[in-house]
Protein backbone atom coordinates (compact mmCIF):
# COMPACT_ATOMS: atom_id res chain seq x y z
CA MET A 1 80.19 10.89 13.30
CA ASP A 2 80.95 8.06 15.57
CA LEU A 3 79.25 7.46 18.97
CA ARG A 4 82.26 9.28 20.73
CA ALA A 5 82.15 12.13 18.78
CA LEU A 6 78.14 12.75 18.97
CA ALA A 7 78.52 12.48 22.97
CA VAL A 8 81.03 14.85 22.96
CA ASN A 9 79.26 17.03 20.87
CA THR A 10 76.18 16.84 22.55
CA LEU A 11 77.75 17.51 26.03
CA ALA A 12 79.37 20.72 24.77
CA GLN A 13 75.94 22.11 23.32
CA ASN A 14 74.09 21.10 26.55
CA LYS A 15 75.09 20.87 30.00
CA LYS A 16 71.70 19.67 30.96
CA ALA A 17 71.93 16.95 28.39
CA ALA A 18 75.06 15.82 30.09
CA LEU A 19 73.28 15.48 33.48
CA LEU A 20 70.52 13.42 31.67
CA ILE A 21 73.03 11.24 29.77
CA GLY A 22 75.00 10.78 33.29
CA GLY A 23 71.96 9.94 34.90
CA ALA A 24 70.75 7.55 32.19
CA GLY A 25 73.75 5.85 32.30
CA VAL A 26 73.72 5.10 36.05
CA ALA A 27 70.47 4.01 35.46
CA LEU A 28 71.30 1.63 32.80
CA LEU A 29 74.23 0.16 34.89
CA GLY A 30 72.05 -0.48 37.70
CA PHE A 31 69.47 -2.60 35.28
CA GLY A 32 72.30 -4.22 33.70
CA LEU A 33 73.13 -5.46 37.24
CA GLY A 34 69.81 -6.46 37.91
CA TYR A 35 69.43 -8.03 34.48
CA LYS A 36 72.60 -9.96 35.36
CA TYR A 37 71.36 -11.42 38.63
CA LEU A 38 67.98 -12.15 37.23
CA ARG A 39 69.74 -13.93 34.27
CA LYS A 40 71.83 -15.92 36.87
CA SER A 41 68.83 -17.12 38.94
CA GLU A 42 67.27 -18.61 35.69
CA LYS A 43 67.25 -22.30 35.26
CA VAL A 44 67.40 -23.24 31.58
CA VAL A 45 66.47 -26.63 30.33
CA ARG A 46 66.37 -27.94 26.80
CA VAL A 47 62.96 -29.36 25.89
CA GLY A 48 62.56 -29.81 22.45
CA VAL A 49 63.64 -28.36 18.67
CA VAL A 50 61.85 -26.32 16.29
CA SER A 51 60.42 -28.71 13.35
CA GLN A 52 58.21 -26.53 11.42
CA ILE A 53 57.37 -22.64 11.42
CA LEU A 54 54.03 -21.98 10.02
CA ILE A 55 52.53 -18.56 9.08
CA HIS A 56 48.68 -18.29 8.06
CA PRO A 57 48.33 -15.06 6.09
CA LEU A 58 44.62 -15.73 5.49
CA LYS A 59 42.65 -16.49 8.26
CA SER A 60 41.73 -19.99 7.76
CA GLY A 61 43.70 -20.30 4.50
CA LYS A 62 46.34 -22.53 3.89
CA ALA A 63 49.69 -22.47 5.88
CA VAL A 64 53.00 -21.21 4.57
CA SER A 65 55.76 -23.15 5.75
CA VAL A 66 59.14 -21.06 6.17
CA ALA A 67 62.40 -21.68 7.41
CA LEU A 68 62.64 -18.47 9.65
CA ALA A 69 60.24 -15.73 10.77
CA GLU A 70 60.37 -12.52 12.63
CA CYS A 71 58.41 -12.90 15.70
CA GLN A 72 56.69 -9.78 16.58
CA LYS A 73 54.62 -8.95 19.59
CA ILE A 74 51.50 -9.07 17.19
CA GLY A 75 52.56 -12.51 15.76
CA LEU A 76 54.97 -14.12 13.24
CA LYS A 77 55.96 -12.22 9.92
CA PHE A 78 58.23 -13.32 6.81
CA GLY A 79 58.69 -10.78 4.42
CA GLU A 80 55.29 -9.12 3.43
CA LEU A 81 53.45 -12.36 4.57
CA GLN A 82 52.20 -11.81 8.52
CA ASP A 83 50.24 -14.14 10.38
CA ARG A 84 46.44 -13.75 10.07
CA HIS A 85 46.46 -10.23 8.56
CA TRP A 86 44.23 -11.05 5.61
CA LEU A 87 40.37 -11.94 6.39
CA VAL A 88 37.52 -12.79 4.30
CA VAL A 89 34.42 -10.96 5.31
CA THR A 90 30.71 -10.85 4.24
CA ASP A 91 29.54 -7.41 2.56
CA ASP A 92 28.62 -6.29 6.09
CA GLY A 93 31.82 -6.85 7.63
CA HIS A 94 31.32 -10.02 9.39
CA MET A 95 34.38 -12.64 9.59
CA VAL A 96 33.94 -15.70 7.48
CA THR A 97 36.16 -18.64 8.44
CA GLY A 98 36.60 -22.25 7.72
CA ARG A 99 33.61 -22.99 10.28
CA GLN A 100 31.27 -21.56 8.14
CA GLU A 101 32.98 -22.12 4.60
CA PRO A 102 35.33 -25.24 4.92
CA ARG A 103 36.90 -25.12 1.74
CA LEU A 104 38.49 -21.83 2.55
CA VAL A 105 41.36 -24.15 4.08
CA LEU A 106 42.46 -24.66 0.46
CA VAL A 107 42.96 -20.96 -0.52
CA SER A 108 46.55 -20.07 -0.71
CA LEU A 109 47.88 -16.65 -0.14
CA THR A 110 51.33 -15.85 -0.57
CA CYS A 111 53.22 -12.43 -1.63
CA GLU A 112 55.85 -11.90 -4.23
CA GLY A 113 57.36 -8.31 -5.01
CA GLY A 114 54.68 -6.19 -3.34
CA GLN A 115 51.81 -8.43 -5.02
CA VAL A 116 49.62 -10.61 -3.37
CA CYS A 117 49.14 -14.32 -5.14
CA LEU A 118 45.53 -15.68 -4.58
CA ASN A 119 45.16 -19.46 -5.49
CA GLY A 120 42.56 -22.15 -5.15
CA PRO A 121 41.49 -25.64 -6.48
CA ASP A 122 40.11 -24.98 -10.16
CA MET A 123 40.62 -21.19 -9.88
CA GLU A 124 42.95 -19.11 -11.92
CA GLU A 125 45.87 -17.44 -9.76
CA LEU A 126 44.74 -13.81 -9.08
CA ARG A 127 47.34 -11.12 -8.20
CA PHE A 128 46.75 -7.71 -6.90
CA PRO A 129 48.98 -5.54 -4.87
CA VAL A 130 49.69 -5.40 -1.33
CA LYS A 131 49.30 -1.95 -0.82
CA GLN A 132 46.21 -0.40 -2.02
CA PRO A 133 45.91 2.90 -0.21
CA ASP A 134 43.03 4.38 -2.47
CA ASN A 135 40.55 1.53 -1.51
CA ARG A 136 38.17 1.94 1.31
CA ILE A 137 38.45 0.75 4.85
CA ILE A 138 35.77 -1.87 5.86
CA ASN A 139 34.63 -1.87 9.68
CA CYS A 140 34.85 -5.75 10.29
CA ARG A 141 33.70 -7.90 13.46
CA VAL A 142 35.99 -10.70 14.30
CA PHE A 143 34.63 -12.86 17.52
CA GLY A 144 32.37 -9.68 18.59
CA ALA A 145 35.16 -7.06 18.56
CA ASP A 146 35.44 -4.51 16.00
CA ILE A 147 38.28 -4.07 13.82
CA GLN A 148 39.20 -2.57 10.64
CA GLY A 149 40.75 -3.85 7.00
CA ARG A 150 41.44 -2.29 3.87
CA ASP A 151 39.18 -3.88 1.05
CA CYS A 152 41.37 -5.65 -1.45
CA GLY A 153 39.15 -4.89 -4.28
CA ASP A 154 36.13 -5.87 -6.38
CA GLU A 155 37.94 -8.22 -8.67
CA VAL A 156 38.97 -10.26 -5.43
CA SER A 157 35.70 -9.73 -4.06
CA ARG A 158 34.24 -11.67 -7.35
CA TRP A 159 37.01 -14.26 -7.16
CA LEU A 160 36.10 -15.47 -3.70
CA THR A 161 32.50 -15.18 -4.33
CA ARG A 162 33.04 -17.48 -7.58
CA TYR A 163 35.03 -19.97 -5.32
CA LEU A 164 33.02 -20.13 -2.41
CA GLY A 165 29.64 -20.78 -4.78
CA ALA A 166 27.54 -19.06 -2.39
CA GLU A 167 24.57 -16.71 -3.04
CA LYS A 168 26.36 -14.11 -0.54
CA THR A 169 29.07 -11.69 -1.47
CA PHE A 170 32.43 -12.05 0.06
CA CYS A 171 35.29 -9.66 0.38
CA LEU A 172 38.80 -9.91 1.44
CA VAL A 173 40.31 -7.33 3.74
CA HIS A 174 44.12 -6.69 5.01
CA PHE A 175 45.08 -5.21 8.19
CA GLU A 176 47.43 -2.49 7.82
CA PRO A 177 49.98 -1.33 10.48
CA GLN A 178 48.23 2.06 11.13
CA MET A 179 44.99 0.38 12.21
CA ARG A 180 43.60 -0.32 15.56
CA PRO A 181 44.34 -4.02 16.48
CA ARG A 182 41.97 -6.29 18.60
CA ARG A 183 42.75 -6.88 22.39
CA PRO A 184 42.58 -10.56 23.22
CA ILE A 185 41.59 -9.41 26.71
CA GLU A 186 38.32 -8.47 25.30
CA ILE A 187 37.91 -12.45 24.76
CA GLU A 188 40.12 -13.95 27.16
CA PRO A 189 40.56 -12.21 30.51
CA LEU A 190 43.98 -14.36 31.09
CA PHE A 191 45.73 -12.12 28.68
CA SER A 192 47.04 -8.89 29.46
CA GLN A 193 45.35 -5.79 28.57
CA TYR A 194 48.45 -4.70 26.70
CA GLU A 195 48.43 -7.64 24.11
CA GLN A 196 47.44 -6.99 20.63
CA VAL A 197 46.22 -9.08 17.64
CA ALA A 198 45.18 -8.58 14.04
CA TYR A 199 42.62 -11.44 13.11
CA PRO A 200 43.60 -14.68 14.98
CA ASP A 201 40.94 -16.01 17.12
CA VAL A 202 43.05 -15.18 20.41
CA GLY A 203 46.56 -15.13 20.89
CA PRO A 204 49.54 -13.92 18.61
CA VAL A 205 51.46 -17.30 18.88
CA MET A 206 50.13 -20.97 19.02
CA LEU A 207 52.66 -23.75 19.57
CA LEU A 208 52.17 -27.63 19.30
CA SER A 209 54.29 -30.55 19.60
CA GLU A 210 54.49 -33.36 16.83
CA ALA A 211 54.35 -35.71 19.61
CA SER A 212 51.22 -34.32 20.96
CA VAL A 213 49.63 -34.84 17.16
CA LYS A 214 50.96 -38.40 17.11
CA ASN A 215 49.14 -39.30 20.36
CA LEU A 216 46.18 -38.22 18.90
CA SER A 217 46.50 -40.03 15.65
CA ASN A 218 47.07 -43.20 17.66
CA LYS A 219 43.57 -43.10 18.70
CA LEU A 220 41.77 -42.53 15.63
CA GLU A 221 40.74 -44.51 12.60
CA LYS A 222 42.75 -41.94 10.25
CA GLU A 223 45.53 -40.33 11.15
CA VAL A 224 45.65 -36.46 11.31
CA THR A 225 48.56 -33.94 10.60
CA VAL A 226 49.72 -30.80 12.33
CA GLU A 227 48.07 -28.62 9.50
CA ARG A 228 44.66 -29.35 11.11
CA PHE A 229 45.43 -27.45 14.22
CA ARG A 230 47.05 -24.29 12.78
CA PRO A 231 49.96 -23.90 15.04
CA ASN A 232 52.75 -21.07 14.23
CA ILE A 233 55.65 -23.08 15.83
CA VAL A 234 55.80 -27.08 15.67
CA ILE A 235 58.14 -28.79 18.19
CA SER A 236 59.63 -32.14 17.85
CA ASP A 237 61.86 -34.14 20.31
CA CYS A 238 59.79 -33.80 23.25
CA GLU A 239 57.07 -36.06 24.69
CA ALA A 240 53.25 -35.58 24.02
CA PHE A 241 51.75 -32.85 25.81
CA GLU A 242 55.05 -31.99 27.55
CA GLU A 243 54.15 -28.28 25.93
CA ASP A 244 51.41 -27.86 28.30
CA SER A 245 53.97 -27.04 31.05
CA TRP A 246 56.12 -24.61 29.36
CA GLU A 247 55.14 -21.63 30.89
CA GLU A 248 58.20 -19.32 29.68
CA ILE A 249 60.58 -20.71 26.72
CA GLN A 250 63.26 -19.13 24.68
CA ILE A 251 63.69 -20.21 21.13
CA GLY A 252 66.76 -18.30 19.42
CA SER A 253 66.51 -14.64 20.63
CA VAL A 254 62.86 -14.92 21.20
CA ARG A 255 60.98 -15.39 24.48
CA LEU A 256 57.67 -16.60 24.65
CA GLN A 257 55.03 -16.70 27.69
CA ARG A 258 52.25 -19.36 27.89
CA VAL A 259 48.96 -17.73 28.73
CA MET A 260 46.58 -20.62 28.14
CA SER A 261 45.52 -23.87 26.22
CA CYS A 262 43.79 -23.78 23.48
CA GLY A 263 40.58 -24.91 23.43
CA ARG A 264 39.29 -26.51 20.46
CA CYS A 265 36.31 -26.37 18.05
CA ILE A 266 34.35 -27.90 15.25
CA PHE A 267 37.06 -26.12 12.68
CA THR A 268 39.48 -29.17 13.52
CA THR A 269 36.88 -31.52 11.78
CA VAL A 270 37.92 -29.82 8.52
CA ASP A 271 40.30 -31.89 6.46
CA PRO A 272 42.85 -29.45 5.35
CA GLU A 273 43.63 -31.54 2.35
CA THR A 274 40.06 -31.67 0.83
CA GLY A 275 38.26 -28.99 2.59
CA ILE A 276 35.59 -31.34 3.88
CA ILE A 277 33.90 -31.02 7.28
CA ASN A 278 32.93 -33.93 9.14
CA ARG A 279 31.57 -32.38 12.54
CA LYS A 280 33.04 -35.17 14.54
CA GLU A 281 36.56 -36.22 14.40
CA PRO A 282 39.11 -35.62 15.67
CA LEU A 283 36.99 -33.45 17.98
CA GLU A 284 34.92 -36.23 19.62
CA THR A 285 38.11 -38.08 20.56
CA LEU A 286 39.84 -34.87 21.83
CA LYS A 287 36.75 -34.37 24.16
CA SER A 288 37.11 -37.94 25.48
CA TYR A 289 40.84 -37.19 27.02
CA ARG A 290 41.63 -33.81 26.98
CA GLN A 291 39.18 -31.75 29.08
CA CYS A 292 40.50 -29.23 31.22
CA LYS A 293 40.44 -29.17 35.22
CA PRO A 294 37.55 -28.79 36.89
CA SER A 295 38.55 -25.58 38.15
CA GLU A 296 38.99 -24.23 34.65
CA LYS A 297 35.55 -25.07 33.51
CA HIS A 298 34.78 -21.48 33.57
CA ILE A 299 37.54 -20.65 31.04
CA TYR A 300 37.40 -23.54 28.53
CA LYS A 301 34.01 -24.96 29.25
CA SER A 302 33.37 -28.05 27.40
CA SER A 303 36.25 -27.49 24.69
CA PRO A 304 39.42 -29.95 24.79
CA LEU A 305 42.73 -28.61 24.82
CA PHE A 306 45.24 -28.96 22.48
CA GLY A 307 48.30 -26.62 21.84
CA GLN A 308 49.26 -23.58 23.75
CA LEU A 309 48.48 -19.95 23.16
CA HIS A 310 51.70 -17.68 24.08
CA THR A 311 52.46 -13.97 23.96
CA VAL A 312 55.82 -12.57 22.85
CA LYS A 313 57.88 -11.38 25.72
CA LYS A 314 60.99 -10.63 23.72
CA THR A 315 60.70 -10.30 19.83
CA GLY A 316 63.25 -12.03 17.43
CA ILE A 317 63.94 -14.57 14.84
CA LEU A 318 62.84 -17.63 14.95
CA GLN A 319 64.59 -20.79 12.83
CA VAL A 320 63.48 -24.21 12.00
CA GLY A 321 66.30 -26.31 13.85
CA ASP A 322 66.33 -23.85 16.96
CA VAL A 323 66.49 -25.57 20.26
CA VAL A 324 63.65 -24.81 22.62
CA TYR A 325 64.88 -24.13 26.35
CA LYS A 326 61.96 -23.93 29.23
CA ILE A 327 62.95 -21.18 31.58
CA SER A 328 62.47 -21.33 35.18
CA ARG A 329 63.39 -19.28 38.15
CA GLY A 330 64.96 -20.56 41.26
């Protein structure tokens, strides 16, 4: 049945429906005119190009570089891979990251045909189903907030425990759609009460420019790569730290809203190529020139700022090569 036939049928069956549809039509017309007016008042300026899209399925694990991704409210998604939707925890549910276990950065988690593929140096690949509905649900703690995760099984637990070589027992959990997400506002009051995330530190999307990484590398004895800072969207063709001023941007059909800068911690001192933590650089250099304004000390304290945290105003598809537009309203 086409749209016109469906409308006629509905009207014939129910006069009240006709009134509702008519009212909705007027409301939509008004909204359309208002939206058109808002669009007219917007100023759009090209500020860069998307050079990389990185999904980190496993929190603290290796990034997966993709050519395009779906940008959902909760973060980036490509097929069965969703950003920070798998998490290593201790047997009592507390999160484990590269801060405590630096070699986690060498662990690769990918998905293929409904199977998760887990890989690490000197380890045999382990495959297991993405969906394991009969497995237990574990109550976890991520930065002091409660969140659930589906246990990925004993075999995965043994694999991780053997890889990390610790006396503790580690488990892998998966965040599923029906589970209650975390609310970033509980950690950072600058976020809206409506924003939700799975296992990221705070926000659903982190953005960083190549020029900012190059600027930092020029101040170091050994240059660093963008992977060390674990962004989702990497931007080229802009000046260093220009991304700090992009309050609202459009990439493809996606709208992103900047919330705050990303305050950096000891995790930046883990080399993503070796899994070795030096506990000094590049954090010390960042602290020397990337401190916040005195008026923002209550937010960032002594953490240096590098990269920008965004929320998703409008969902859609992102692609490498997409032009980035800064939005302002006159």
